[in-house]
Amino acid sequence: MDPHPALTAVIARQTPLTWTFIGDSVTAGTWHTYGARSYPELFTERLRELGRTADAFVNTAVSGYTVTDLDERLERLALRFRPDVVVVGIGLNDTKHGEAGLATFSSTYRSVVERLRTGADSLVVVQTPNDTLPTAPEHVVEHLPRYVDAIRAVATDTAAPLVDHYAVWTDTDRPAPEHWYAMGCHPGQHGHRAMARTLLGAFGAWDPTSRSGRLTIP
């Protein structure tokens, strides 16, 4: 992704920052990485390479979470840390509600964004999920594109920076290879490296010659 001005400005701040990652199993980065670093961990490592060693990074993502879980538990997940930046990764599990759940998903997501802004004055980064294999749960395969569009609309309506992983993974000239996945809709170590690359690119912090950037993304 091209760097986003609001995100590059964050990296340029001289004061220490608190970062919170909230979302589902992909953002939690457990199990399906088989011990490899997740994209939030790779993001953290790269910022430390850039000298942001006093920044605090908190990952409270939970496997199975939906946007409703974020909304109901936002104090515990994020607000208590008074984060300067919140990176949201949600949507895969919400697809189980199908077309009928889109309106509630969108309104609840907007609520999360606004509560983070008013409750902690946080910069909220909205992300689309990664793409999925045909072997993923049927509700994910069938409904994910509509939920991705809903997330993009939330980003537009709230003027929140958007990191569009789904667009990268479904690029017609370079669709995500199967070895980016651990299974179904869960990225493995290579998929997490690809997601870190996209997120860091949005912050203007991606460097393929850095130690973290030299990790293989086949």
N, C-alpha and C. Protein backbone atom coordinates (compact mmCIF):
# COMPACT_ATOMS: atom_id res chain seq x y z
N MET A 1 0.83 -1.19 0.00
CA MET A 1 0.00 0.00 0.00
C MET A 1 0.87 1.24 0.00
N ASP A 2 0.35 2.31 -0.61
CA ASP A 2 1.02 3.59 -0.53
C ASP A 2 0.90 4.13 0.89
N PRO A 3 1.87 4.88 1.36
CA PRO A 3 1.80 5.45 2.70
C PRO A 3 0.59 6.37 2.86
N HIS A 4 -0.03 6.33 4.02
CA HIS A 4 -1.16 7.19 4.34
C HIS A 4 -0.63 8.37 5.16
N PRO A 5 -0.96 9.62 4.79
CA PRO A 5 -0.39 10.77 5.50
C PRO A 5 -0.62 10.76 7.00
N ALA A 6 -1.81 10.36 7.44
CA ALA A 6 -2.10 10.34 8.88
C ALA A 6 -1.25 9.32 9.61
N LEU A 7 -0.88 8.24 8.90
CA LEU A 7 -0.09 7.18 9.52
C LEU A 7 1.40 7.49 9.51
N THR A 8 1.87 8.09 8.44
CA THR A 8 3.28 8.49 8.42
C THR A 8 3.56 9.57 9.46
N ALA A 9 2.56 10.40 9.73
CA ALA A 9 2.72 11.43 10.76
C ALA A 9 2.88 10.82 12.14
N VAL A 10 2.22 9.68 12.38
CA VAL A 10 2.34 9.00 13.66
C VAL A 10 3.77 8.51 13.87
N ILE A 11 4.33 7.89 12.85
CA ILE A 11 5.70 7.37 12.95
C ILE A 11 6.69 8.49 13.23
N ALA A 12 6.38 9.69 12.76
CA ALA A 12 7.30 10.81 12.92
C ALA A 12 7.23 11.46 14.29
N ARG A 13 6.25 11.10 15.12
CA ARG A 13 6.14 11.71 16.44
C ARG A 13 7.37 11.40 17.30
N GLN A 14 7.77 12.39 18.09
CA GLN A 14 8.95 12.23 18.92
C GLN A 14 8.63 11.64 20.29
N THR A 15 7.38 11.73 20.73
CA THR A 15 7.01 11.23 22.05
C THR A 15 6.66 9.74 21.98
N PRO A 16 6.88 8.98 23.08
CA PRO A 16 6.51 7.57 23.10
C PRO A 16 5.00 7.39 22.92
N LEU A 17 4.62 6.34 22.22
CA LEU A 17 3.23 6.07 21.92
C LEU A 17 2.80 4.72 22.50
N THR A 18 1.50 4.60 22.72
CA THR A 18 0.91 3.32 23.10
C THR A 18 0.05 2.83 21.95
N TRP A 19 0.30 1.59 21.53
CA TRP A 19 -0.39 0.97 20.41
C TRP A 19 -1.20 -0.21 20.94
N THR A 20 -2.45 -0.33 20.47
CA THR A 20 -3.26 -1.48 20.82
C THR A 20 -3.79 -2.15 19.56
N PHE A 21 -3.62 -3.46 19.49
CA PHE A 21 -4.18 -4.27 18.41
C PHE A 21 -5.38 -5.02 18.96
N ILE A 22 -6.54 -4.85 18.33
CA ILE A 22 -7.75 -5.55 18.76
C ILE A 22 -8.34 -6.29 17.57
N GLY A 23 -9.01 -7.41 17.86
CA GLY A 23 -9.61 -8.15 16.75
C GLY A 23 -9.79 -9.62 17.05
N ASP A 24 -9.66 -10.42 15.99
CA ASP A 24 -9.94 -11.86 16.07
C ASP A 24 -8.66 -12.68 16.06
N SER A 25 -8.78 -13.95 15.67
CA SER A 25 -7.64 -14.87 15.75
C SER A 25 -6.48 -14.49 14.85
N VAL A 26 -6.78 -13.85 13.72
CA VAL A 26 -5.70 -13.45 12.83
C VAL A 26 -4.82 -12.41 13.52
N THR A 27 -5.44 -11.43 14.13
CA THR A 27 -4.68 -10.40 14.84
C THR A 27 -4.05 -10.96 16.11
N ALA A 28 -4.74 -11.89 16.77
CA ALA A 28 -4.15 -12.54 17.94
C ALA A 28 -2.86 -13.27 17.57
N GLY A 29 -2.85 -13.87 16.38
CA GLY A 29 -1.63 -14.48 15.86
C GLY A 29 -1.19 -15.73 16.59
N THR A 30 -2.13 -16.46 17.16
CA THR A 30 -1.79 -17.69 17.87
C THR A 30 -2.17 -18.92 17.06
N TRP A 31 -1.64 -20.04 17.43
CA TRP A 31 -1.97 -21.34 16.88
C TRP A 31 -1.56 -21.51 15.42
N HIS A 32 -2.18 -20.76 14.52
CA HIS A 32 -1.95 -20.98 13.09
C HIS A 32 -0.60 -20.46 12.60
N THR A 33 0.12 -19.74 13.46
CA THR A 33 1.46 -19.30 13.09
C THR A 33 2.51 -20.34 13.47
N TYR A 34 2.12 -21.34 14.27
CA TYR A 34 3.03 -22.41 14.69
C TYR A 34 4.34 -21.88 15.26
N GLY A 35 4.21 -20.84 16.08
CA GLY A 35 5.37 -20.28 16.76
C GLY A 35 6.06 -19.14 16.04
N ALA A 36 5.71 -18.90 14.76
CA ALA A 36 6.31 -17.79 14.03
C ALA A 36 5.67 -16.47 14.47
N ARG A 37 6.31 -15.38 14.15
CA ARG A 37 5.79 -14.07 14.53
C ARG A 37 4.54 -13.73 13.73
N SER A 38 3.58 -13.13 14.42
CA SER A 38 2.36 -12.64 13.78
C SER A 38 2.61 -11.26 13.19
N TYR A 39 1.64 -10.75 12.43
CA TYR A 39 1.85 -9.44 11.82
C TYR A 39 1.96 -8.32 12.86
N PRO A 40 1.20 -8.35 14.00
CA PRO A 40 1.45 -7.31 15.00
C PRO A 40 2.86 -7.38 15.60
N GLU A 41 3.39 -8.59 15.77
CA GLU A 41 4.74 -8.73 16.31
C GLU A 41 5.78 -8.24 15.32
N LEU A 42 5.58 -8.53 14.05
CA LEU A 42 6.50 -8.04 13.03
C LEU A 42 6.44 -6.52 12.91
N PHE A 43 5.24 -5.98 13.04
CA PHE A 43 5.08 -4.52 13.03
C PHE A 43 5.84 -3.91 14.21
N THR A 44 5.68 -4.50 15.38
CA THR A 44 6.37 -4.02 16.57
C THR A 44 7.88 -4.06 16.38
N GLU A 45 8.38 -5.15 15.84
CA GLU A 45 9.82 -5.30 15.64
C GLU A 45 10.36 -4.23 14.70
N ARG A 46 9.62 -3.96 13.64
CA ARG A 46 10.08 -2.96 12.67
C ARG A 46 10.13 -1.57 13.30
N LEU A 47 9.14 -1.23 14.11
CA LEU A 47 9.16 0.08 14.75
C LEU A 47 10.31 0.19 15.74
N ARG A 48 10.65 -0.91 16.39
CA ARG A 48 11.81 -0.87 17.27
C ARG A 48 13.10 -0.70 16.45
N GLU A 49 13.14 -1.30 15.28
CA GLU A 49 14.28 -1.09 14.39
C GLU A 49 14.42 0.37 14.02
N LEU A 50 13.29 1.05 13.93
CA LEU A 50 13.31 2.47 13.56
C LEU A 50 13.62 3.38 14.75
N GLY A 51 13.83 2.79 15.92
CA GLY A 51 14.21 3.57 17.07
C GLY A 51 13.09 3.89 18.03
N ARG A 52 11.87 3.37 17.77
CA ARG A 52 10.74 3.65 18.65
C ARG A 52 10.74 2.65 19.81
N THR A 53 11.83 2.64 20.57
CA THR A 53 12.02 1.63 21.61
C THR A 53 11.23 1.93 22.88
N ALA A 54 10.73 3.14 23.04
CA ALA A 54 9.94 3.48 24.23
C ALA A 54 8.44 3.31 24.00
N ASP A 55 8.03 2.96 22.79
CA ASP A 55 6.62 2.73 22.52
C ASP A 55 6.15 1.45 23.21
N ALA A 56 4.88 1.44 23.60
CA ALA A 56 4.28 0.26 24.22
C ALA A 56 3.29 -0.37 23.24
N PHE A 57 3.36 -1.69 23.10
CA PHE A 57 2.50 -2.42 22.17
C PHE A 57 1.69 -3.46 22.93
N VAL A 58 0.37 -3.38 22.79
CA VAL A 58 -0.52 -4.30 23.50
C VAL A 58 -1.42 -4.98 22.49
N ASN A 59 -1.46 -6.31 22.53
CA ASN A 59 -2.33 -7.08 21.63
C ASN A 59 -3.36 -7.81 22.48
N THR A 60 -4.62 -7.38 22.38
CA THR A 60 -5.69 -8.01 23.14
C THR A 60 -6.69 -8.72 22.23
N ALA A 61 -6.27 -9.04 21.01
CA ALA A 61 -7.16 -9.76 20.10
C ALA A 61 -7.45 -11.16 20.64
N VAL A 62 -8.65 -11.66 20.33
CA VAL A 62 -9.11 -12.94 20.86
C VAL A 62 -9.70 -13.78 19.73
N SER A 63 -9.30 -15.03 19.64
CA SER A 63 -9.83 -15.94 18.63
C SER A 63 -11.35 -16.04 18.75
N GLY A 64 -12.04 -15.96 17.62
CA GLY A 64 -13.48 -16.09 17.59
C GLY A 64 -14.24 -14.79 17.76
N TYR A 65 -13.55 -13.69 18.04
CA TYR A 65 -14.25 -12.44 18.30
C TYR A 65 -14.91 -11.86 17.05
N THR A 66 -16.01 -11.19 17.29
CA THR A 66 -16.73 -10.42 16.27
C THR A 66 -16.67 -8.95 16.67
N VAL A 67 -17.21 -8.10 15.81
CA VAL A 67 -17.21 -6.67 16.13
C VAL A 67 -18.09 -6.38 17.34
N THR A 68 -19.12 -7.18 17.57
CA THR A 68 -19.95 -7.03 18.75
C THR A 68 -19.15 -7.29 20.02
N ASP A 69 -18.27 -8.29 19.98
CA ASP A 69 -17.40 -8.55 21.13
C ASP A 69 -16.50 -7.35 21.41
N LEU A 70 -15.98 -6.73 20.36
CA LEU A 70 -15.15 -5.54 20.55
C LEU A 70 -15.95 -4.43 21.22
N ASP A 71 -17.15 -4.21 20.72
CA ASP A 71 -17.98 -3.14 21.25
C ASP A 71 -18.34 -3.37 22.71
N GLU A 72 -18.66 -4.61 23.06
CA GLU A 72 -19.08 -4.93 24.43
C GLU A 72 -17.91 -4.94 25.41
N ARG A 73 -16.70 -5.15 24.93
CA ARG A 73 -15.54 -5.30 25.82
C ARG A 73 -14.46 -4.24 25.54
N LEU A 74 -14.86 -3.13 24.98
CA LEU A 74 -13.87 -2.15 24.51
C LEU A 74 -13.05 -1.55 25.65
N GLU A 75 -13.64 -1.40 26.81
CA GLU A 75 -12.89 -0.86 27.96
C GLU A 75 -11.74 -1.80 28.30
N ARG A 76 -12.01 -3.08 28.40
CA ARG A 76 -10.98 -4.05 28.75
C ARG A 76 -9.96 -4.23 27.64
N LEU A 77 -10.43 -4.22 26.40
CA LEU A 77 -9.56 -4.51 25.27
C LEU A 77 -8.66 -3.35 24.91
N ALA A 78 -9.15 -2.11 25.06
CA ALA A 78 -8.38 -0.98 24.55
C ALA A 78 -8.43 0.27 25.41
N LEU A 79 -9.62 0.69 25.82
CA LEU A 79 -9.76 2.00 26.45
C LEU A 79 -8.93 2.13 27.73
N ARG A 80 -8.78 1.06 28.48
CA ARG A 80 -8.03 1.14 29.74
C ARG A 80 -6.56 1.49 29.53
N PHE A 81 -6.05 1.25 28.31
CA PHE A 81 -4.65 1.56 28.01
C PHE A 81 -4.46 2.98 27.50
N ARG A 82 -5.55 3.69 27.25
CA ARG A 82 -5.50 5.04 26.68
C ARG A 82 -4.58 5.07 25.45
N PRO A 83 -4.82 4.20 24.48
CA PRO A 83 -3.88 4.08 23.36
C PRO A 83 -3.88 5.29 22.44
N ASP A 84 -2.71 5.60 21.93
CA ASP A 84 -2.59 6.65 20.92
C ASP A 84 -3.07 6.14 19.56
N VAL A 85 -2.81 4.86 19.30
CA VAL A 85 -3.19 4.24 18.03
C VAL A 85 -3.84 2.89 18.32
N VAL A 86 -4.97 2.63 17.66
CA VAL A 86 -5.63 1.33 17.76
C VAL A 86 -5.74 0.75 16.35
N VAL A 87 -5.21 -0.44 16.17
CA VAL A 87 -5.29 -1.15 14.89
C VAL A 87 -6.34 -2.24 15.03
N VAL A 88 -7.39 -2.16 14.21
CA VAL A 88 -8.52 -3.08 14.31
C VAL A 88 -8.44 -4.11 13.19
N GLY A 89 -8.57 -5.39 13.57
CA GLY A 89 -8.61 -6.48 12.59
C GLY A 89 -9.78 -7.40 12.89
N ILE A 90 -10.90 -7.20 12.24
CA ILE A 90 -12.13 -7.94 12.56
C ILE A 90 -12.94 -8.16 11.29
N GLY A 91 -13.83 -9.15 11.30
CA GLY A 91 -14.72 -9.33 10.16
C GLY A 91 -14.92 -10.76 9.72
N LEU A 92 -13.91 -11.60 9.88
CA LEU A 92 -14.04 -12.98 9.41
C LEU A 92 -15.15 -13.72 10.14
N ASN A 93 -15.19 -13.62 11.45
CA ASN A 93 -16.22 -14.33 12.22
C ASN A 93 -17.60 -13.72 12.06
N ASP A 94 -17.64 -12.43 11.77
CA ASP A 94 -18.93 -11.76 11.58
C ASP A 94 -19.70 -12.29 10.38
N THR A 95 -18.98 -12.88 9.43
CA THR A 95 -19.64 -13.38 8.22
C THR A 95 -20.64 -14.50 8.51
N LYS A 96 -20.56 -15.09 9.70
CA LYS A 96 -21.51 -16.15 10.03
C LYS A 96 -22.94 -15.63 10.10
N HIS A 97 -23.10 -14.31 10.21
CA HIS A 97 -24.43 -13.72 10.26
C HIS A 97 -24.98 -13.42 8.86
N GLY A 98 -24.17 -13.67 7.84
CA GLY A 98 -24.64 -13.55 6.46
C GLY A 98 -25.07 -12.15 6.06
N GLU A 99 -25.86 -12.10 5.00
CA GLU A 99 -26.32 -10.82 4.48
C GLU A 99 -27.15 -10.07 5.52
N ALA A 100 -27.91 -10.80 6.31
CA ALA A 100 -28.80 -10.18 7.29
C ALA A 100 -28.02 -9.43 8.38
N GLY A 101 -26.77 -9.79 8.57
CA GLY A 101 -25.99 -9.17 9.63
C GLY A 101 -25.18 -7.96 9.23
N LEU A 102 -25.23 -7.60 7.95
CA LEU A 102 -24.36 -6.52 7.46
C LEU A 102 -24.67 -5.17 8.09
N ALA A 103 -25.94 -4.84 8.23
CA ALA A 103 -26.30 -3.53 8.78
C ALA A 103 -25.82 -3.39 10.23
N THR A 104 -26.04 -4.43 11.02
CA THR A 104 -25.60 -4.40 12.41
C THR A 104 -24.08 -4.37 12.49
N PHE A 105 -23.43 -5.15 11.65
CA PHE A 105 -21.97 -5.13 11.60
C PHE A 105 -21.45 -3.72 11.34
N SER A 106 -22.01 -3.05 10.35
CA SER A 106 -21.55 -1.72 9.98
C SER A 106 -21.78 -0.71 11.09
N SER A 107 -22.97 -0.72 11.68
CA SER A 107 -23.28 0.25 12.73
C SER A 107 -22.44 0.00 13.98
N THR A 108 -22.21 -1.27 14.30
CA THR A 108 -21.40 -1.58 15.48
C THR A 108 -19.95 -1.21 15.26
N TYR A 109 -19.45 -1.44 14.07
CA TYR A 109 -18.07 -1.07 13.75
C TYR A 109 -17.91 0.44 13.88
N ARG A 110 -18.87 1.20 13.38
CA ARG A 110 -18.80 2.66 13.53
C ARG A 110 -18.80 3.06 15.00
N SER A 111 -19.58 2.35 15.80
CA SER A 111 -19.61 2.63 17.23
C SER A 111 -18.24 2.41 17.87
N VAL A 112 -17.57 1.33 17.48
CA VAL A 112 -16.24 1.05 18.01
C VAL A 112 -15.27 2.17 17.66
N VAL A 113 -15.29 2.60 16.41
CA VAL A 113 -14.39 3.67 15.97
C VAL A 113 -14.65 4.94 16.77
N GLU A 114 -15.90 5.33 16.88
CA GLU A 114 -16.23 6.59 17.57
C GLU A 114 -15.93 6.50 19.06
N ARG A 115 -16.16 5.36 19.69
CA ARG A 115 -15.88 5.22 21.12
C ARG A 115 -14.39 5.28 21.40
N LEU A 116 -13.59 4.73 20.51
CA LEU A 116 -12.14 4.82 20.67
C LEU A 116 -11.66 6.26 20.54
N ARG A 117 -12.29 7.00 19.66
CA ARG A 117 -11.91 8.40 19.48
C ARG A 117 -12.34 9.26 20.66
N THR A 118 -13.55 9.08 21.11
CA THR A 118 -14.05 9.92 22.20
C THR A 118 -13.54 9.46 23.56
N GLY A 119 -13.34 8.15 23.72
CA GLY A 119 -12.93 7.62 25.01
C GLY A 119 -11.45 7.69 25.27
N ALA A 120 -10.64 7.67 24.22
CA ALA A 120 -9.18 7.67 24.41
C ALA A 120 -8.46 8.60 23.44
N ASP A 121 -9.21 9.30 22.60
CA ASP A 121 -8.61 10.18 21.60
C ASP A 121 -7.61 9.42 20.73
N SER A 122 -8.00 8.20 20.39
CA SER A 122 -7.11 7.32 19.62
C SER A 122 -7.23 7.57 18.12
N LEU A 123 -6.12 7.39 17.42
CA LEU A 123 -6.16 7.26 15.97
C LEU A 123 -6.53 5.82 15.66
N VAL A 124 -7.63 5.61 14.98
CA VAL A 124 -8.12 4.26 14.71
C VAL A 124 -7.77 3.87 13.28
N VAL A 125 -7.10 2.73 13.15
CA VAL A 125 -6.72 2.20 11.84
C VAL A 125 -7.66 1.03 11.53
N VAL A 126 -8.41 1.16 10.45
CA VAL A 126 -9.36 0.14 10.03
C VAL A 126 -8.69 -0.78 9.01
N GLN A 127 -8.83 -2.09 9.19
CA GLN A 127 -8.24 -3.05 8.27
C GLN A 127 -9.31 -3.99 7.70
N THR A 128 -9.17 -4.35 6.45
CA THR A 128 -9.96 -5.45 5.91
C THR A 128 -9.25 -6.76 6.21
N PRO A 129 -9.98 -7.88 6.31
CA PRO A 129 -9.33 -9.17 6.54
C PRO A 129 -8.56 -9.62 5.30
N ASN A 130 -7.76 -10.65 5.49
CA ASN A 130 -7.14 -11.33 4.35
C ASN A 130 -8.20 -12.11 3.58
N ASP A 131 -7.85 -12.54 2.39
CA ASP A 131 -8.74 -13.38 1.59
C ASP A 131 -8.81 -14.79 2.20
N THR A 132 -9.58 -15.65 1.58
CA THR A 132 -9.80 -16.99 2.13
C THR A 132 -9.63 -18.06 1.06
N LEU A 133 -9.28 -19.25 1.50
CA LEU A 133 -9.25 -20.41 0.61
C LEU A 133 -10.66 -21.00 0.49
N PRO A 134 -10.93 -21.78 -0.57
CA PRO A 134 -12.24 -22.44 -0.68
C PRO A 134 -12.53 -23.40 0.46
N THR A 135 -11.49 -23.83 1.18
CA THR A 135 -11.67 -24.77 2.28
C THR A 135 -12.08 -24.09 3.59
N ALA A 136 -12.19 -22.77 3.59
CA ALA A 136 -12.62 -22.05 4.78
C ALA A 136 -14.09 -22.34 5.06
N PRO A 137 -14.60 -21.98 6.24
CA PRO A 137 -16.02 -22.17 6.51
C PRO A 137 -16.89 -21.54 5.42
N GLU A 138 -17.98 -22.19 5.11
CA GLU A 138 -18.83 -21.75 4.00
C GLU A 138 -19.29 -20.31 4.15
N HIS A 139 -19.59 -19.90 5.39
CA HIS A 139 -20.08 -18.53 5.57
C HIS A 139 -19.00 -17.49 5.27
N VAL A 140 -17.75 -17.85 5.51
CA VAL A 140 -16.66 -16.93 5.19
C VAL A 140 -16.50 -16.82 3.68
N VAL A 141 -16.45 -17.96 3.00
CA VAL A 141 -16.28 -17.97 1.55
C VAL A 141 -17.41 -17.20 0.86
N GLU A 142 -18.64 -17.40 1.34
CA GLU A 142 -19.80 -16.82 0.67
C GLU A 142 -19.96 -15.33 0.95
N HIS A 143 -19.70 -14.90 2.18
CA HIS A 143 -20.09 -13.55 2.57
C HIS A 143 -18.94 -12.57 2.78
N LEU A 144 -17.70 -13.05 2.77
CA LEU A 144 -16.58 -12.17 3.07
C LEU A 144 -16.51 -10.94 2.16
N PRO A 145 -16.70 -11.06 0.84
CA PRO A 145 -16.59 -9.86 0.00
C PRO A 145 -17.54 -8.74 0.42
N ARG A 146 -18.75 -9.07 0.84
CA ARG A 146 -19.71 -8.04 1.26
C ARG A 146 -19.27 -7.40 2.57
N TYR A 147 -18.72 -8.18 3.46
CA TYR A 147 -18.24 -7.62 4.72
C TYR A 147 -17.00 -6.76 4.51
N VAL A 148 -16.18 -7.13 3.57
CA VAL A 148 -15.03 -6.29 3.21
C VAL A 148 -15.52 -4.94 2.70
N ASP A 149 -16.53 -4.95 1.84
CA ASP A 149 -17.09 -3.69 1.34
C ASP A 149 -17.66 -2.85 2.48
N ALA A 150 -18.28 -3.52 3.45
CA ALA A 150 -18.83 -2.80 4.60
C ALA A 150 -17.72 -2.14 5.41
N ILE A 151 -16.60 -2.83 5.58
CA ILE A 151 -15.46 -2.25 6.31
C ILE A 151 -14.90 -1.05 5.57
N ARG A 152 -14.79 -1.17 4.26
CA ARG A 152 -14.32 -0.03 3.48
C ARG A 152 -15.25 1.17 3.62
N ALA A 153 -16.54 0.90 3.66
CA ALA A 153 -17.52 1.98 3.82
C ALA A 153 -17.40 2.63 5.19
N VAL A 154 -17.16 1.83 6.23
CA VAL A 154 -16.96 2.37 7.57
C VAL A 154 -15.75 3.30 7.58
N ALA A 155 -14.66 2.87 6.95
CA ALA A 155 -13.46 3.70 6.89
C ALA A 155 -13.75 5.02 6.19
N THR A 156 -14.49 4.96 5.10
CA THR A 156 -14.83 6.18 4.38
C THR A 156 -15.73 7.09 5.20
N ASP A 157 -16.76 6.51 5.80
CA ASP A 157 -17.75 7.30 6.55
C ASP A 157 -17.15 7.95 7.80
N THR A 158 -16.17 7.28 8.40
CA THR A 158 -15.56 7.80 9.63
C THR A 158 -14.23 8.51 9.37
N ALA A 159 -13.82 8.56 8.11
CA ALA A 159 -12.54 9.17 7.73
C ALA A 159 -11.37 8.52 8.47
N ALA A 160 -11.47 7.20 8.65
CA ALA A 160 -10.40 6.46 9.31
C ALA A 160 -9.43 5.91 8.26
N PRO A 161 -8.14 5.90 8.53
CA PRO A 161 -7.18 5.29 7.60
C PRO A 161 -7.53 3.82 7.38
N LEU A 162 -7.50 3.40 6.12
CA LEU A 162 -7.84 2.03 5.76
C LEU A 162 -6.60 1.28 5.29
N VAL A 163 -6.38 0.11 5.85
CA VAL A 163 -5.34 -0.80 5.37
C VAL A 163 -6.07 -1.98 4.74
N ASP A 164 -5.99 -2.09 3.43
CA ASP A 164 -6.84 -3.03 2.68
C ASP A 164 -6.08 -4.31 2.35
N HIS A 165 -5.96 -5.19 3.33
CA HIS A 165 -5.29 -6.48 3.10
C HIS A 165 -6.02 -7.29 2.04
N TYR A 166 -7.34 -7.26 2.08
CA TYR A 166 -8.12 -8.06 1.13
C TYR A 166 -7.78 -7.68 -0.31
N ALA A 167 -7.61 -6.39 -0.57
CA ALA A 167 -7.26 -5.95 -1.92
C ALA A 167 -5.91 -6.51 -2.35
N VAL A 168 -4.96 -6.55 -1.42
CA VAL A 168 -3.64 -7.09 -1.73
C VAL A 168 -3.72 -8.59 -2.02
N TRP A 169 -4.47 -9.29 -1.19
CA TRP A 169 -4.54 -10.75 -1.33
C TRP A 169 -5.35 -11.18 -2.56
N THR A 170 -6.22 -10.35 -3.04
CA THR A 170 -7.06 -10.72 -4.19
C THR A 170 -6.65 -10.01 -5.47
N ASP A 171 -5.51 -9.36 -5.45
CA ASP A 171 -5.02 -8.65 -6.64
C ASP A 171 -5.04 -9.60 -7.84
N THR A 172 -5.65 -9.15 -8.94
CA THR A 172 -5.85 -10.03 -10.09
C THR A 172 -4.53 -10.45 -10.74
N ASP A 173 -3.50 -9.63 -10.58
CA ASP A 173 -2.21 -9.98 -11.16
C ASP A 173 -1.36 -10.84 -10.24
N ARG A 174 -1.73 -10.88 -8.94
CA ARG A 174 -0.93 -11.62 -7.99
C ARG A 174 -1.81 -12.07 -6.82
N PRO A 175 -2.69 -13.03 -7.06
CA PRO A 175 -3.51 -13.51 -5.94
C PRO A 175 -2.64 -14.18 -4.89
N ALA A 176 -3.11 -14.17 -3.66
CA ALA A 176 -2.33 -14.76 -2.57
C ALA A 176 -2.09 -16.24 -2.83
N PRO A 177 -0.84 -16.68 -2.78
CA PRO A 177 -0.56 -18.11 -2.99
C PRO A 177 -1.03 -18.93 -1.79
N GLU A 178 -1.27 -20.20 -2.02
CA GLU A 178 -1.81 -21.05 -0.96
C GLU A 178 -0.89 -21.13 0.25
N HIS A 179 0.41 -21.01 0.04
CA HIS A 179 1.31 -21.13 1.19
C HIS A 179 1.33 -19.88 2.06
N TRP A 180 0.52 -18.88 1.74
CA TRP A 180 0.33 -17.78 2.68
C TRP A 180 -0.64 -18.18 3.80
N TYR A 181 -1.36 -19.28 3.58
CA TYR A 181 -2.36 -19.74 4.55
C TYR A 181 -1.83 -20.91 5.36
N ALA A 182 -2.28 -20.98 6.62
CA ALA A 182 -2.06 -22.18 7.41
C ALA A 182 -3.19 -23.17 7.14
N MET A 183 -4.41 -22.64 7.07
CA MET A 183 -5.58 -23.43 6.72
C MET A 183 -6.76 -22.48 6.53
N GLY A 184 -7.68 -22.85 5.65
CA GLY A 184 -8.92 -22.10 5.47
C GLY A 184 -8.72 -20.62 5.29
N CYS A 185 -9.12 -19.84 6.29
CA CYS A 185 -9.00 -18.39 6.21
C CYS A 185 -7.92 -17.86 7.14
N HIS A 186 -7.10 -18.74 7.70
CA HIS A 186 -6.07 -18.31 8.66
C HIS A 186 -4.70 -18.22 7.99
N PRO A 187 -4.07 -17.05 8.03
CA PRO A 187 -2.72 -16.93 7.49
C PRO A 187 -1.72 -17.73 8.32
N GLY A 188 -0.73 -18.27 7.63
CA GLY A 188 0.40 -18.87 8.31
C GLY A 188 1.51 -17.85 8.42
N GLN A 189 2.73 -18.32 8.67
CA GLN A 189 3.83 -17.38 8.88
C GLN A 189 4.08 -16.48 7.67
N HIS A 190 3.95 -17.02 6.46
CA HIS A 190 4.20 -16.20 5.28
C HIS A 190 3.06 -15.20 5.06
N GLY A 191 1.84 -15.62 5.36
CA GLY A 191 0.72 -14.70 5.25
C GLY A 191 0.83 -13.55 6.24
N HIS A 192 1.30 -13.85 7.44
CA HIS A 192 1.48 -12.78 8.43
C HIS A 192 2.58 -11.82 8.00
N ARG A 193 3.60 -12.34 7.36
CA ARG A 193 4.65 -11.44 6.85
C ARG A 193 4.10 -10.55 5.75
N ALA A 194 3.23 -11.11 4.91
CA ALA A 194 2.60 -10.30 3.87
C ALA A 194 1.71 -9.21 4.48
N MET A 195 0.97 -9.56 5.53
CA MET A 195 0.11 -8.57 6.18
C MET A 195 0.95 -7.49 6.86
N ALA A 196 2.06 -7.89 7.47
CA ALA A 196 2.95 -6.90 8.08
C ALA A 196 3.50 -5.95 7.03
N ARG A 197 3.86 -6.49 5.88
CA ARG A 197 4.36 -5.64 4.78
C ARG A 197 3.32 -4.61 4.38
N THR A 198 2.06 -5.02 4.25
CA THR A 198 1.01 -4.09 3.85
C THR A 198 0.77 -3.04 4.93
N LEU A 199 0.71 -3.47 6.18
CA LEU A 199 0.49 -2.52 7.28
C LEU A 199 1.65 -1.54 7.40
N LEU A 200 2.86 -2.04 7.35
CA LEU A 200 4.03 -1.17 7.43
C LEU A 200 4.09 -0.22 6.24
N GLY A 201 3.68 -0.70 5.08
CA GLY A 201 3.66 0.17 3.91
C GLY A 201 2.73 1.35 4.10
N ALA A 202 1.58 1.11 4.73
CA ALA A 202 0.63 2.19 4.98
C ALA A 202 1.21 3.23 5.93
N PHE A 203 2.10 2.80 6.83
CA PHE A 203 2.76 3.72 7.75
C PHE A 203 4.06 4.30 7.17
N GLY A 204 4.39 3.92 5.94
CA GLY A 204 5.63 4.38 5.33
C GLY A 204 6.86 3.80 5.98
N ALA A 205 6.72 2.62 6.60
CA ALA A 205 7.81 2.04 7.38
C ALA A 205 8.33 0.73 6.80
N TRP A 206 7.82 0.31 5.65
CA TRP A 206 8.29 -0.95 5.07
C TRP A 206 9.65 -0.76 4.41
N ASP A 207 10.58 -1.65 4.70
CA ASP A 207 11.91 -1.62 4.09
C ASP A 207 12.37 -3.06 3.88
N PRO A 208 12.42 -3.53 2.63
CA PRO A 208 12.80 -4.92 2.37
C PRO A 208 14.26 -5.22 2.73
N THR A 209 15.06 -4.19 3.00
CA THR A 209 16.45 -4.42 3.37
C THR A 209 16.64 -4.48 4.88
N SER A 210 15.59 -4.18 5.65
CA SER A 210 15.69 -4.24 7.10
C SER A 210 15.71 -5.70 7.56
N ARG A 211 16.06 -5.93 8.80
CA ARG A 211 16.12 -7.31 9.30
C ARG A 211 14.75 -7.97 9.24
N SER A 212 13.72 -7.25 9.68
CA SER A 212 12.38 -7.82 9.62
C SER A 212 11.87 -7.89 8.19
N GLY A 213 12.27 -6.96 7.35
CA GLY A 213 11.82 -6.95 5.96
C GLY A 213 12.47 -7.99 5.10
N ARG A 214 13.59 -8.55 5.53
CA ARG A 214 14.29 -9.56 4.75
C ARG A 214 13.72 -10.97 4.96
N LEU A 215 12.77 -11.11 5.87
CA LEU A 215 12.14 -12.41 6.05
C LEU A 215 11.43 -12.83 4.76
N THR A 216 11.51 -14.08 4.42
CA THR A 216 10.98 -14.57 3.15
C THR A 216 9.48 -14.46 3.06
N ILE A 217 8.99 -13.87 1.96
CA ILE A 217 7.57 -13.88 1.62
C ILE A 217 7.46 -14.48 0.21
N PRO A 218 7.40 -15.78 0.09
CA PRO A 218 7.43 -16.41 -1.23
C PRO A 218 6.16 -16.15 -2.02
